[in-house]
Amino acid sequence: MRALEDAGIITGYQALLDAKKLGLNLSALIHISMDQHTPERFAHFESKVAVLPQVIECLLITGQDADYQLRVMVKDMDDYQHLLLHKITSIEGVLGVHIRQRQQELGLP
């Protein structure tokens, strides 16, 4: 391990958090459709979701009905609805939102 660290192959370590103990009982994959496919619109969207602590992952996707896939973790369905209605759908350029997966108990990477 030390040789791999010294060679720069291992660049760090991460802790795994127990989402349930943090009160995060709901995980969802959300697909987002944008109204325009421009670098400026995408950069604007990415800057807005980057500051949302509930967004664990934001992926730009192609060949789908959506432009982005967000992985979010929230306390419950009320928290999810608040995130969706007051944060995500209010971002300029968001045209459509579709939930792809909902899971109750997950660990955090």
Protein backbone atom coordinates (compact mmCIF):
# COMPACT_ATOMS: atom_id res chain seq x y z
CA MET A 1 0.00 0.00 0.00
CA ARG A 2 2.76 2.42 0.91
CA ALA A 3 4.45 1.91 -2.49
CA LEU A 4 1.14 2.61 -4.28
CA GLU A 5 0.67 5.75 -2.19
CA ASP A 6 4.24 6.89 -2.88
CA ALA A 7 3.76 6.27 -6.61
CA GLY A 8 0.63 8.42 -6.59
CA ILE A 9 -1.60 5.53 -7.63
CA ILE A 10 -3.55 5.70 -4.38
CA THR A 11 -4.56 9.33 -4.08
CA GLY A 12 -6.78 9.15 -1.01
CA TYR A 13 -9.23 7.29 1.15
CA GLN A 14 -12.90 7.76 1.90
CA ALA A 15 -15.18 7.06 4.81
CA LEU A 16 -18.51 5.27 4.33
CA LEU A 17 -21.34 6.93 6.20
CA ASP A 18 -24.48 5.26 7.50
CA ALA A 19 -27.20 7.22 5.70
CA LYS A 20 -29.91 5.99 8.05
CA LYS A 21 -28.05 7.25 11.12
CA LEU A 22 -27.81 10.62 9.38
CA GLY A 23 -31.59 10.60 8.93
CA LEU A 24 -31.37 10.07 5.17
CA ASN A 25 -33.92 7.32 4.56
CA LEU A 26 -34.82 7.91 0.93
CA SER A 27 -32.60 7.72 -2.13
CA ALA A 28 -33.79 8.55 -5.64
CA LEU A 29 -32.43 8.70 -9.17
CA ILE A 30 -33.96 11.66 -10.97
CA HIS A 31 -33.75 12.29 -14.70
CA ILE A 32 -33.76 15.93 -15.76
CA SER A 33 -34.62 17.25 -19.23
CA MET A 34 -33.33 20.67 -20.22
CA ASP A 35 -34.99 23.17 -22.58
CA GLN A 36 -31.76 24.07 -24.40
CA HIS A 37 -28.67 22.02 -25.13
CA THR A 38 -26.00 24.68 -24.85
CA PRO A 39 -22.81 24.78 -22.77
CA GLU A 40 -24.12 27.87 -20.97
CA ARG A 41 -27.41 26.23 -20.00
CA PHE A 42 -25.64 23.08 -18.80
CA ALA A 43 -23.07 25.10 -16.82
CA HIS A 44 -25.87 27.08 -15.17
CA PHE A 45 -27.73 23.91 -14.17
CA GLU A 46 -24.59 22.22 -12.85
CA SER A 47 -23.67 25.27 -10.75
CA LYS A 48 -27.13 25.30 -9.16
CA VAL A 49 -27.23 21.59 -8.25
CA ALA A 50 -23.61 21.64 -7.02
CA VAL A 51 -24.68 23.64 -3.95
CA LEU A 52 -27.58 21.34 -3.02
CA PRO A 53 -26.37 19.02 -0.24
CA GLN A 54 -29.07 16.46 -1.11
CA VAL A 55 -27.51 15.90 -4.55
CA ILE A 56 -24.92 13.15 -4.15
CA GLU A 57 -24.15 12.77 -7.85
CA CYS A 58 -24.90 14.71 -11.05
CA LEU A 59 -24.26 12.96 -14.36
CA LEU A 60 -24.63 14.41 -17.86
CA ILE A 61 -26.17 11.60 -19.92
CA THR A 62 -26.82 11.09 -23.62
CA GLY A 63 -29.00 8.84 -25.72
CA GLN A 64 -31.83 9.01 -23.20
CA ASP A 65 -35.01 11.00 -22.75
CA ALA A 66 -33.12 13.11 -20.24
CA ASP A 67 -29.99 15.23 -20.13
CA TYR A 68 -28.97 14.66 -16.51
CA GLN A 69 -29.27 11.99 -13.88
CA LEU A 70 -29.18 13.15 -10.27
CA ARG A 71 -28.75 10.83 -7.31
CA VAL A 72 -30.28 12.43 -4.25
CA MET A 73 -30.61 11.42 -0.61
CA VAL A 74 -33.26 12.95 1.60
CA LYS A 75 -35.01 12.31 4.92
CA ASP A 76 -38.40 11.33 3.58
CA MET A 77 -40.94 11.90 0.81
CA ASP A 78 -41.82 15.37 2.14
CA ASP A 79 -38.14 16.35 1.97
CA TYR A 80 -37.95 14.90 -1.56
CA GLN A 81 -41.01 16.88 -2.69
CA HIS A 82 -39.56 20.08 -1.21
CA LEU A 83 -36.25 19.50 -3.00
CA LEU A 84 -38.01 18.78 -6.27
CA LEU A 85 -40.61 21.56 -6.19
CA HIS A 86 -38.63 24.35 -4.56
CA LYS A 87 -35.06 23.70 -5.65
CA ILE A 88 -34.68 21.55 -8.78
CA THR A 89 -37.71 22.56 -10.87
CA SER A 90 -37.06 26.23 -10.11
CA ILE A 91 -33.69 26.12 -11.88
CA GLU A 92 -33.91 28.03 -15.14
CA GLY A 93 -33.95 25.67 -18.10
CA VAL A 94 -35.36 22.58 -16.37
CA LEU A 95 -38.04 21.30 -18.72
CA GLY A 96 -38.96 17.94 -17.18
CA VAL A 97 -38.23 15.81 -14.14
CA HIS A 98 -38.77 12.05 -13.90
CA ILE A 99 -37.98 9.82 -10.95
CA ARG A 100 -36.27 6.62 -12.07
CA GLN A 101 -35.67 4.81 -8.79
CA ARG A 102 -36.61 5.19 -5.19
CA GLN A 103 -34.94 3.19 -2.49
CA GLN A 104 -35.50 3.36 1.25
CA GLU A 105 -32.28 2.11 2.83
CA LEU A 106 -28.85 2.81 1.38
CA GLY A 107 -25.36 3.47 2.66
CA LEU A 108 -23.46 6.53 1.53
CA PRO A 109 -20.20 6.08 -0.34
